[in-house]
PDB file of N, CA and C in Angstrom:
ATOM      1  N   MET A   1       0.850  -1.176   0.000  1.00  0.00           N
ATOM      2  CA  MET A   1       0.000   0.000   0.000  1.00  0.00           C
ATOM      3  C   MET A   1       0.894   1.237   0.000  1.00  0.00           C
ATOM      4  N   SER A   2       0.648   2.108  -0.924  1.00  0.00           N
ATOM      5  CA  SER A   2       1.462   3.323  -0.979  1.00  0.00           C
ATOM      6  C   SER A   2       0.814   4.419  -0.149  1.00  0.00           C
ATOM      7  N   GLY A   3       1.651   5.247   0.432  1.00  0.00           N
ATOM      8  CA  GLY A   3       1.149   6.349   1.247  1.00  0.00           C
ATOM      9  C   GLY A   3       0.992   7.607   0.413  1.00  0.00           C
ATOM     10  N   TYR A   4       0.486   8.617   1.043  1.00  0.00           N
ATOM     11  CA  TYR A   4       0.300   9.915   0.402  1.00  0.00           C
ATOM     12  C   TYR A   4       1.301  10.899   0.980  1.00  0.00           C
ATOM     13  N   THR A   5       1.693  11.846   0.166  1.00  0.00           N
ATOM     14  CA  THR A   5       2.532  12.925   0.673  1.00  0.00           C
ATOM     15  C   THR A   5       1.635  13.927   1.402  1.00  0.00           C
ATOM     16  N   ILE A   6       2.235  14.796   2.176  1.00  0.00           N
ATOM     17  CA  ILE A   6       1.479  15.831   2.893  1.00  0.00           C
ATOM     18  C   ILE A   6       0.711  16.708   1.908  1.00  0.00           C
ATOM     19  N   ASP A   7       1.341  17.050   0.799  1.00  0.00           N
ATOM     20  CA  ASP A   7       0.665  17.889  -0.200  1.00  0.00           C
ATOM     21  C   ASP A   7      -0.538  17.178  -0.815  1.00  0.00           C
ATOM     22  N   GLU A   8      -0.420  15.871  -1.060  1.00  0.00           N
ATOM     23  CA  GLU A   8      -1.547  15.109  -1.606  1.00  0.00           C
ATOM     24  C   GLU A   8      -2.702  15.042  -0.609  1.00  0.00           C
ATOM     25  N   VAL A   9      -2.370  14.802   0.642  1.00  0.00           N
ATOM     26  CA  VAL A   9      -3.398  14.747   1.688  1.00  0.00           C
ATOM     27  C   VAL A   9      -4.091  16.097   1.808  1.00  0.00           C
ATOM     28  N   ARG A  10      -3.328  17.160   1.794  1.00  0.00           N
ATOM     29  CA  ARG A  10      -3.890  18.511   1.889  1.00  0.00           C
ATOM     30  C   ARG A  10      -4.839  18.780   0.715  1.00  0.00           C
ATOM     31  N   ARG A  11      -4.427  18.427  -0.490  1.00  0.00           N
ATOM     32  CA  ARG A  11      -5.251  18.636  -1.684  1.00  0.00           C
ATOM     33  C   ARG A  11      -6.548  17.826  -1.596  1.00  0.00           C
ATOM     34  N   ILE A  12      -6.455  16.573  -1.171  1.00  0.00           N
ATOM     35  CA  ILE A  12      -7.646  15.724  -1.036  1.00  0.00           C
ATOM     36  C   ILE A  12      -8.600  16.306  -0.001  1.00  0.00           C
ATOM     37  N   ALA A  13      -8.078  16.719   1.148  1.00  0.00           N
ATOM     38  CA  ALA A  13      -8.921  17.276   2.217  1.00  0.00           C
ATOM     39  C   ALA A  13      -9.613  18.557   1.763  1.00  0.00           C
ATOM     40  N   ILE A  14      -8.898  19.423   1.074  1.00  0.00           N
ATOM     41  CA  ILE A  14      -9.486  20.684   0.602  1.00  0.00           C
ATOM     42  C   ILE A  14     -10.562  20.411  -0.446  1.00  0.00           C
ATOM     43  N   ASN A  15     -10.312  19.476  -1.354  1.00  0.00           N
ATOM     44  CA  ASN A  15     -11.317  19.131  -2.365  1.00  0.00           C
ATOM     45  C   ASN A  15     -12.571  18.545  -1.721  1.00  0.00           C
ATOM     46  N   CYS A  16     -12.398  17.686  -0.726  1.00  0.00           N
ATOM     47  CA  CYS A  16     -13.548  17.096  -0.029  1.00  0.00           C
ATOM     48  C   CYS A  16     -14.342  18.167   0.709  1.00  0.00           C
ATOM     49  N   ALA A  17     -13.655  19.057   1.400  1.00  0.00           N
ATOM     50  CA  ALA A  17     -14.338  20.121   2.148  1.00  0.00           C
ATOM     51  C   ALA A  17     -15.132  21.009   1.203  1.00  0.00           C
ATOM     52  N   SER A  18     -14.564  21.326   0.071  1.00  0.00           N
ATOM     53  CA  SER A  18     -15.255  22.161  -0.914  1.00  0.00           C
ATOM     54  C   SER A  18     -16.493  21.452  -1.446  1.00  0.00           C
ATOM     55  N   SER A  19     -16.370  20.168  -1.710  1.00  0.00           N
ATOM     56  CA  SER A  19     -17.501  19.378  -2.211  1.00  0.00           C
ATOM     57  C   SER A  19     -18.609  19.286  -1.171  1.00  0.00           C
ATOM     58  N   TYR A  20     -18.255  19.015   0.090  1.00  0.00           N
ATOM     59  CA  TYR A  20     -19.255  18.951   1.154  1.00  0.00           C
ATOM     60  C   TYR A  20     -19.951  20.293   1.330  1.00  0.00           C
ATOM     61  N   LYS A  21     -19.195  21.379   1.275  1.00  0.00           N
ATOM     62  CA  LYS A  21     -19.794  22.702   1.455  1.00  0.00           C
ATOM     63  C   LYS A  21     -20.841  22.964   0.382  1.00  0.00           C
ATOM     64  N   SER A  22     -20.509  22.680  -0.869  1.00  0.00           N
ATOM     65  CA  SER A  22     -21.468  22.946  -1.946  1.00  0.00           C
ATOM     66  C   SER A  22     -22.675  22.017  -1.865  1.00  0.00           C
ATOM     67  N   SER A  23     -22.494  20.814  -1.347  1.00  0.00           N
ATOM     68  CA  SER A  23     -23.612  19.873  -1.230  1.00  0.00           C
ATOM     69  C   SER A  23     -24.511  20.177  -0.042  1.00  0.00           C
ATOM     70  N   LEU A  24     -23.947  20.709   1.036  1.00  0.00           N
ATOM     71  CA  LEU A  24     -24.698  20.874   2.278  1.00  0.00           C
ATOM     72  C   LEU A  24     -25.094  22.311   2.587  1.00  0.00           C
ATOM     73  N   GLU A  25     -24.554  23.267   1.847  1.00  0.00           N
ATOM     74  CA  GLU A  25     -24.843  24.672   2.098  1.00  0.00           C
ATOM     75  C   GLU A  25     -26.324  24.968   1.859  1.00  0.00           C
ATOM     76  N   ASP A  26     -26.905  25.798   2.708  1.00  0.00           N
ATOM     77  CA  ASP A  26     -28.311  26.207   2.616  1.00  0.00           C
ATOM     78  C   ASP A  26     -29.287  25.048   2.816  1.00  0.00           C
ATOM     79  N   LYS A  27     -28.869  24.015   3.518  1.00  0.00           N
ATOM     80  CA  LYS A  27     -29.734  22.887   3.835  1.00  0.00           C
ATOM     81  C   LYS A  27     -30.062  22.940   5.324  1.00  0.00           C
ATOM     82  N   GLN A  28     -31.158  22.319   5.703  1.00  0.00           N
ATOM     83  CA  GLN A  28     -31.529  22.210   7.110  1.00  0.00           C
ATOM     84  C   GLN A  28     -31.476  20.737   7.500  1.00  0.00           C
ATOM     85  N   PHE A  29     -31.055  20.479   8.727  1.00  0.00           N
ATOM     86  CA  PHE A  29     -30.929  19.113   9.213  1.00  0.00           C
ATOM     87  C   PHE A  29     -31.630  18.995  10.553  1.00  0.00           C
ATOM     88  N   ILE A  30     -32.165  17.819  10.817  1.00  0.00           N
ATOM     89  CA  ILE A  30     -32.723  17.541  12.128  1.00  0.00           C
ATOM     90  C   ILE A  30     -32.010  16.295  12.653  1.00  0.00           C
ATOM     91  N   ILE A  31     -31.549  16.390  13.890  1.00  0.00           N
ATOM     92  CA  ILE A  31     -30.862  15.277  14.536  1.00  0.00           C
ATOM     93  C   ILE A  31     -31.749  14.806  15.677  1.00  0.00           C
ATOM     94  N   ILE A  32     -32.072  13.527  15.670  1.00  0.00           N
ATOM     95  CA  ILE A  32     -32.929  12.949  16.706  1.00  0.00           C
ATOM     96  C   ILE A  32     -32.142  11.860  17.419  1.00  0.00           C
ATOM     97  N   TYR A  33     -32.070  11.974  18.748  1.00  0.00           N
ATOM     98  CA  TYR A  33     -31.414  10.948  19.553  1.00  0.00           C
ATOM     99  C   TYR A  33     -32.493  10.146  20.262  1.00  0.00           C
ATOM    100  N   ARG A  34     -32.517   8.842  19.982  1.00  0.00           N
ATOM    101  CA  ARG A  34     -33.494   7.955  20.604  1.00  0.00           C
ATOM    102  C   ARG A  34     -32.735   6.932  21.448  1.00  0.00           C
ATOM    103  N   ASP A  35     -33.139   6.783  22.699  1.00  0.00           N
ATOM    104  CA  ASP A  35     -32.511   5.823  23.600  1.00  0.00           C
ATOM    105  C   ASP A  35     -32.790   4.407  23.099  1.00  0.00           C
ATOM    106  N   LYS A  36     -31.751   3.639  22.918  1.00  0.00           N
ATOM    107  CA  LYS A  36     -31.868   2.290  22.380  1.00  0.00           C
ATOM    108  C   LYS A  36     -32.659   1.367  23.306  1.00  0.00           C
ATOM    109  N   ASP A  37     -32.475   1.518  24.606  1.00  0.00           N
ATOM    110  CA  ASP A  37     -33.124   0.619  25.562  1.00  0.00           C
ATOM    111  C   ASP A  37     -34.597   0.947  25.775  1.00  0.00           C
ATOM    112  N   THR A  38     -34.919   2.223  25.900  1.00  0.00           N
ATOM    113  CA  THR A  38     -36.301   2.613  26.206  1.00  0.00           C
ATOM    114  C   THR A  38     -37.085   3.027  24.962  1.00  0.00           C
ATOM    115  N   ASN A  39     -36.390   3.216  23.849  1.00  0.00           N
ATOM    116  CA  ASN A  39     -36.995   3.663  22.594  1.00  0.00           C
ATOM    117  C   ASN A  39     -37.634   5.042  22.715  1.00  0.00           C
ATOM    118  N   MET A  40     -37.212   5.813  23.718  1.00  0.00           N
ATOM    119  CA  MET A  40     -37.741   7.159  23.930  1.00  0.00           C
ATOM    120  C   MET A  40     -36.809   8.176  23.279  1.00  0.00           C
ATOM    121  N   ILE A  41     -37.408   9.200  22.692  1.00  0.00           N
ATOM    122  CA  ILE A  41     -36.616  10.289  22.120  1.00  0.00           C
ATOM    123  C   ILE A  41     -36.082  11.136  23.265  1.00  0.00           C
ATOM    124  N   LYS A  42     -34.771  11.283  23.306  1.00  0.00           N
ATOM    125  CA  LYS A  42     -34.116  12.019  24.390  1.00  0.00           C
ATOM    126  C   LYS A  42     -33.711  13.429  23.967  1.00  0.00           C
ATOM    127  N   HIS A  43     -33.498  13.626  22.678  1.00  0.00           N
ATOM    128  CA  HIS A  43     -33.005  14.932  22.243  1.00  0.00           C
ATOM    129  C   HIS A  43     -33.347  15.134  20.770  1.00  0.00           C
ATOM    130  N   ILE A  44     -33.791  16.334  20.430  1.00  0.00           N
ATOM    131  CA  ILE A  44     -34.034  16.720  19.037  1.00  0.00           C
ATOM    132  C   ILE A  44     -33.365  18.071  18.818  1.00  0.00           C
ATOM    133  N   ARG A  45     -32.654  18.193  17.731  1.00  0.00           N
ATOM    134  CA  ARG A  45     -31.996  19.467  17.425  1.00  0.00           C
ATOM    135  C   ARG A  45     -32.097  19.745  15.928  1.00  0.00           C
ATOM    136  N   ARG A  46     -32.445  20.976  15.610  1.00  0.00           N
ATOM    137  CA  ARG A  46     -32.501  21.415  14.218  1.00  0.00           C
ATOM    138  C   ARG A  46     -31.272  22.263  13.929  1.00  0.00           C
ATOM    139  N   LEU A  47     -30.606  21.951  12.850  1.00  0.00           N
ATOM    140  CA  LEU A  47     -29.416  22.694  12.433  1.00  0.00           C
ATOM    141  C   LEU A  47     -29.694  23.354  11.098  1.00  0.00           C
ATOM    142  N   GLN A  48     -29.235  24.586  10.967  1.00  0.00           N
ATOM    143  CA  GLN A  48     -29.392  25.292   9.692  1.00  0.00           C
ATOM    144  C   GLN A  48     -28.055  25.524   9.066  1.00  0.00           C
TER     145      GLN A  48
END
């Protein structure tokens, strides 16, 4: 398995961040935490 140079890793990370930003920008998300044992919703949060 070949490794990556620091410059390659930096380029990959920047490209991924740019792609995620364009895909997720101006979207709304809701995160729901449900307790596995009781099946009760413990937390809900909306992110913009």
